[in-house]
């Protein structure tokens, strides 16, 4: 399970320890959360997904339009291309 415990920080399962994300810019480089956004605290329920854009600090992603239920997926991932050291075809 993924939970959003603090604004701009994500924690796995029931941990209060934020994920180590050294590639994330300073929190001051991001727009502030509003009441209309999913910024936490929140727990992502089973069979729901929070879709985050590549440019998390500047993406109109799931924080704006909410969680995506699993039954709304219409395709499947077939290839992993990033990071380049882990490029592979995914088996189902």
N, C-alpha and C. Protein backbone atom coordinates (compact mmCIF):
# COMPACT_ATOMS: atom_id res chain seq x y z
N UNK A 1 0.84 -1.19 0.00
CA UNK A 1 0.00 0.00 0.00
C UNK A 1 0.88 1.24 0.00
N UNK A 2 0.38 2.25 -0.64
CA UNK A 2 1.05 3.54 -0.65
C UNK A 2 0.17 4.52 0.09
N UNK A 3 0.76 5.28 0.95
CA UNK A 3 -0.02 6.32 1.61
C UNK A 3 0.70 7.65 1.45
N UNK A 4 -0.08 8.69 1.37
CA UNK A 4 0.46 10.03 1.33
C UNK A 4 0.29 10.58 2.72
N UNK A 5 1.37 10.75 3.42
CA UNK A 5 1.29 11.15 4.83
C UNK A 5 1.48 12.65 5.00
N UNK A 6 2.32 13.23 4.19
CA UNK A 6 2.60 14.65 4.29
C UNK A 6 2.62 15.24 2.89
N UNK A 7 2.35 16.51 2.81
CA UNK A 7 2.37 17.18 1.51
C UNK A 7 3.71 16.92 0.83
N UNK A 8 3.65 16.42 -0.40
CA UNK A 8 4.80 16.17 -1.26
C UNK A 8 5.70 15.02 -0.79
N UNK A 9 5.34 14.27 0.24
CA UNK A 9 6.14 13.13 0.66
C UNK A 9 5.28 11.89 0.64
N UNK A 10 5.82 10.80 0.10
CA UNK A 10 5.08 9.55 0.04
C UNK A 10 5.75 8.51 0.91
N UNK A 11 4.92 7.71 1.56
CA UNK A 11 5.41 6.66 2.44
C UNK A 11 4.81 5.34 2.00
N UNK A 12 5.58 4.27 2.16
CA UNK A 12 5.10 2.93 1.81
C UNK A 12 4.49 2.27 3.05
N UNK A 13 3.37 1.61 2.83
CA UNK A 13 2.64 0.86 3.85
C UNK A 13 2.30 1.73 5.04
N UNK A 14 2.57 1.25 6.25
CA UNK A 14 2.20 2.01 7.44
C UNK A 14 3.38 2.77 8.02
N UNK A 15 4.39 2.99 7.23
CA UNK A 15 5.58 3.68 7.71
C UNK A 15 5.36 5.19 7.71
N UNK A 16 5.96 5.86 8.65
CA UNK A 16 5.96 7.32 8.65
C UNK A 16 7.24 7.85 8.03
N UNK A 17 8.10 6.95 7.59
CA UNK A 17 9.37 7.36 6.99
C UNK A 17 9.14 7.62 5.50
N UNK A 18 9.38 8.87 5.04
CA UNK A 18 9.16 9.18 3.62
C UNK A 18 10.08 8.37 2.72
N UNK A 19 9.64 8.14 1.48
CA UNK A 19 10.49 7.48 0.49
C UNK A 19 11.72 8.34 0.25
N UNK A 20 12.85 7.70 0.02
CA UNK A 20 14.07 8.42 -0.31
C UNK A 20 14.01 8.76 -1.79
N UNK A 21 13.77 10.03 -2.10
CA UNK A 21 13.63 10.48 -3.48
C UNK A 21 14.57 11.66 -3.72
N UNK A 22 15.88 11.39 -3.80
CA UNK A 22 16.84 12.49 -3.94
C UNK A 22 16.71 13.26 -5.25
N UNK A 23 16.00 12.69 -6.22
CA UNK A 23 15.83 13.34 -7.52
C UNK A 23 14.72 14.39 -7.51
N UNK A 24 13.96 14.49 -6.43
CA UNK A 24 12.88 15.46 -6.33
C UNK A 24 13.46 16.83 -5.99
N UNK A 25 12.99 17.84 -6.67
CA UNK A 25 13.44 19.21 -6.40
C UNK A 25 13.00 19.66 -5.01
N UNK A 26 13.46 20.80 -4.64
CA UNK A 26 13.06 21.41 -3.39
C UNK A 26 11.54 21.60 -3.38
N UNK A 27 10.88 21.40 -2.23
CA UNK A 27 9.43 21.60 -2.16
C UNK A 27 9.03 23.01 -2.58
N UNK A 28 9.93 23.95 -2.49
CA UNK A 28 9.61 25.33 -2.83
C UNK A 28 9.52 25.53 -4.34
N UNK A 29 9.96 24.55 -5.14
CA UNK A 29 9.87 24.64 -6.60
C UNK A 29 8.52 24.16 -7.12
N UNK A 30 7.66 23.66 -6.25
CA UNK A 30 6.38 23.10 -6.67
C UNK A 30 5.23 24.03 -6.30
N UNK A 31 4.15 23.95 -7.07
CA UNK A 31 2.98 24.75 -6.67
C UNK A 31 2.40 24.20 -5.37
N UNK A 32 1.85 25.06 -4.54
CA UNK A 32 1.28 24.58 -3.27
C UNK A 32 0.04 23.73 -3.50
N UNK A 33 -0.23 22.82 -2.58
CA UNK A 33 -1.45 22.01 -2.64
C UNK A 33 -2.65 22.88 -2.33
N UNK A 34 -3.76 22.52 -2.95
CA UNK A 34 -5.02 23.21 -2.66
C UNK A 34 -6.00 22.19 -2.11
N UNK A 35 -7.14 22.65 -1.63
CA UNK A 35 -8.15 21.73 -1.09
C UNK A 35 -8.69 20.80 -2.16
N UNK A 36 -8.61 21.20 -3.43
CA UNK A 36 -9.12 20.37 -4.52
C UNK A 36 -8.14 19.26 -4.92
N UNK A 37 -6.93 19.29 -4.38
CA UNK A 37 -5.90 18.30 -4.76
C UNK A 37 -5.80 17.19 -3.72
N UNK A 38 -5.33 16.03 -4.17
CA UNK A 38 -5.04 14.91 -3.28
C UNK A 38 -3.58 15.04 -2.87
N UNK A 39 -3.35 15.60 -1.68
CA UNK A 39 -1.98 15.83 -1.20
C UNK A 39 -1.71 15.12 0.12
N UNK A 40 -2.70 14.56 0.72
CA UNK A 40 -2.51 13.81 1.94
C UNK A 40 -3.04 14.57 3.15
N UNK A 41 -3.19 13.93 4.26
CA UNK A 41 -2.96 12.49 4.37
C UNK A 41 -4.05 11.69 3.65
N UNK A 42 -3.65 10.61 3.05
CA UNK A 42 -4.58 9.75 2.33
C UNK A 42 -4.00 8.35 2.24
N UNK A 43 -4.85 7.37 2.20
CA UNK A 43 -4.44 5.98 1.98
C UNK A 43 -5.06 5.54 0.66
N UNK A 44 -4.27 4.96 -0.20
CA UNK A 44 -4.76 4.49 -1.49
C UNK A 44 -5.41 3.13 -1.28
N UNK A 45 -6.71 3.00 -1.53
CA UNK A 45 -7.37 1.71 -1.30
C UNK A 45 -6.96 0.65 -2.32
N UNK A 46 -7.19 -0.60 -1.98
CA UNK A 46 -6.91 -1.71 -2.89
C UNK A 46 -7.63 -1.48 -4.21
N UNK A 47 -6.99 -1.91 -5.29
CA UNK A 47 -7.53 -1.83 -6.65
C UNK A 47 -7.77 -0.40 -7.12
N UNK A 48 -7.05 0.55 -6.55
CA UNK A 48 -7.04 1.94 -6.97
C UNK A 48 -5.59 2.39 -7.09
N UNK A 49 -5.35 3.33 -7.98
CA UNK A 49 -3.98 3.76 -8.26
C UNK A 49 -3.91 5.27 -8.33
N UNK A 50 -2.83 5.82 -7.81
CA UNK A 50 -2.55 7.24 -7.93
C UNK A 50 -1.56 7.40 -9.06
N UNK A 51 -1.99 7.99 -10.15
CA UNK A 51 -1.16 8.15 -11.33
C UNK A 51 -0.41 9.47 -11.23
N UNK A 52 0.92 9.39 -11.19
CA UNK A 52 1.74 10.60 -11.11
C UNK A 52 2.46 10.80 -12.43
N UNK A 53 2.52 12.04 -12.87
CA UNK A 53 3.20 12.36 -14.11
C UNK A 53 4.71 12.30 -13.97
N UNK A 54 5.39 12.24 -15.11
CA UNK A 54 6.86 12.21 -15.12
C UNK A 54 7.45 13.42 -14.42
N UNK A 55 6.83 14.55 -14.62
CA UNK A 55 7.30 15.79 -14.04
C UNK A 55 6.38 16.11 -12.87
N UNK A 56 6.55 15.38 -11.80
CA UNK A 56 5.61 15.41 -10.68
C UNK A 56 5.31 16.82 -10.19
N UNK A 57 6.29 17.70 -10.24
CA UNK A 57 6.08 19.05 -9.76
C UNK A 57 5.25 19.91 -10.70
N UNK A 58 5.05 19.46 -11.93
CA UNK A 58 4.31 20.27 -12.90
C UNK A 58 3.46 19.36 -13.79
N UNK A 59 2.65 18.51 -13.19
CA UNK A 59 1.81 17.59 -13.95
C UNK A 59 0.37 17.69 -13.47
N UNK A 60 -0.55 17.72 -14.40
CA UNK A 60 -1.98 17.66 -14.06
C UNK A 60 -2.33 16.17 -13.99
N UNK A 61 -1.93 15.55 -12.91
CA UNK A 61 -2.05 14.09 -12.77
C UNK A 61 -3.09 13.73 -11.72
N UNK A 62 -2.98 12.55 -11.16
CA UNK A 62 -3.97 12.03 -10.23
C UNK A 62 -4.17 12.87 -8.98
N UNK A 63 -3.22 13.71 -8.65
CA UNK A 63 -3.43 14.61 -7.51
C UNK A 63 -4.55 15.60 -7.81
N UNK A 64 -4.77 15.86 -9.09
CA UNK A 64 -5.82 16.80 -9.50
C UNK A 64 -7.12 16.09 -9.82
N UNK A 65 -7.08 14.93 -10.48
CA UNK A 65 -8.32 14.27 -10.91
C UNK A 65 -8.66 13.01 -10.13
N UNK A 66 -7.87 12.67 -9.11
CA UNK A 66 -8.24 11.59 -8.21
C UNK A 66 -7.63 10.24 -8.56
N UNK A 67 -8.08 9.22 -7.84
CA UNK A 67 -7.56 7.87 -8.00
C UNK A 67 -8.18 7.19 -9.20
N UNK A 68 -7.42 6.29 -9.80
CA UNK A 68 -7.90 5.54 -10.96
C UNK A 68 -8.24 4.11 -10.52
N UNK A 69 -9.52 3.72 -10.63
CA UNK A 69 -9.89 2.34 -10.28
C UNK A 69 -9.28 1.35 -11.27
N UNK A 70 -8.90 0.19 -10.78
CA UNK A 70 -8.27 -0.83 -11.62
C UNK A 70 -9.12 -1.22 -12.83
N UNK A 71 -10.44 -1.21 -12.68
CA UNK A 71 -11.29 -1.61 -13.80
C UNK A 71 -11.33 -0.59 -14.94
N UNK A 72 -10.68 0.55 -14.78
CA UNK A 72 -10.60 1.56 -15.84
C UNK A 72 -9.36 1.38 -16.72
N UNK A 73 -8.46 0.48 -16.34
CA UNK A 73 -7.27 0.22 -17.15
C UNK A 73 -7.72 -0.48 -18.43
N UNK A 74 -7.24 -0.01 -19.58
CA UNK A 74 -7.63 -0.62 -20.85
C UNK A 74 -6.46 -1.25 -21.58
N UNK A 75 -5.30 -1.21 -21.02
CA UNK A 75 -4.13 -1.80 -21.66
C UNK A 75 -3.24 -2.44 -20.61
N UNK A 76 -2.09 -2.89 -21.04
CA UNK A 76 -1.14 -3.45 -20.10
C UNK A 76 0.26 -3.05 -20.51
N UNK A 77 1.13 -2.97 -19.54
CA UNK A 77 2.52 -2.63 -19.81
C UNK A 77 3.20 -3.83 -20.46
N UNK A 78 3.97 -3.58 -21.51
CA UNK A 78 4.66 -4.67 -22.20
C UNK A 78 6.17 -4.47 -22.24
N UNK A 79 6.62 -3.28 -21.87
CA UNK A 79 8.05 -2.99 -22.01
C UNK A 79 8.48 -2.00 -20.94
N UNK A 80 9.62 -2.27 -20.31
CA UNK A 80 10.21 -1.36 -19.34
C UNK A 80 11.40 -0.71 -20.02
N UNK A 81 11.38 0.62 -20.12
CA UNK A 81 12.46 1.29 -20.83
C UNK A 81 13.27 2.24 -19.97
N UNK A 82 12.89 2.42 -18.70
CA UNK A 82 13.66 3.29 -17.82
C UNK A 82 13.69 2.70 -16.44
N UNK A 83 14.82 2.70 -15.81
CA UNK A 83 16.11 3.20 -16.26
C UNK A 83 16.72 2.28 -17.31
N UNK A 84 17.59 2.85 -18.10
CA UNK A 84 18.19 2.10 -19.20
C UNK A 84 18.91 0.83 -18.74
N UNK A 85 19.35 0.82 -17.51
CA UNK A 85 20.04 -0.36 -16.99
C UNK A 85 19.08 -1.51 -16.72
N UNK A 86 17.77 -1.25 -16.81
CA UNK A 86 16.77 -2.30 -16.55
C UNK A 86 15.82 -2.50 -17.72
N UNK A 87 16.20 -2.13 -18.91
CA UNK A 87 15.35 -2.30 -20.10
C UNK A 87 15.01 -3.78 -20.26
N UNK A 88 13.71 -4.07 -20.46
CA UNK A 88 13.30 -5.47 -20.66
C UNK A 88 11.86 -5.54 -21.14
N UNK A 89 11.49 -6.68 -21.68
CA UNK A 89 10.11 -6.98 -22.04
C UNK A 89 9.44 -7.55 -20.80
N UNK A 90 8.23 -7.12 -20.52
CA UNK A 90 7.50 -7.61 -19.34
C UNK A 90 6.66 -8.82 -19.72
N UNK A 91 6.69 -9.84 -18.86
CA UNK A 91 5.92 -11.06 -19.11
C UNK A 91 4.66 -11.04 -18.27
N UNK A 92 3.57 -11.52 -18.83
CA UNK A 92 2.28 -11.55 -18.12
C UNK A 92 1.80 -12.96 -17.97
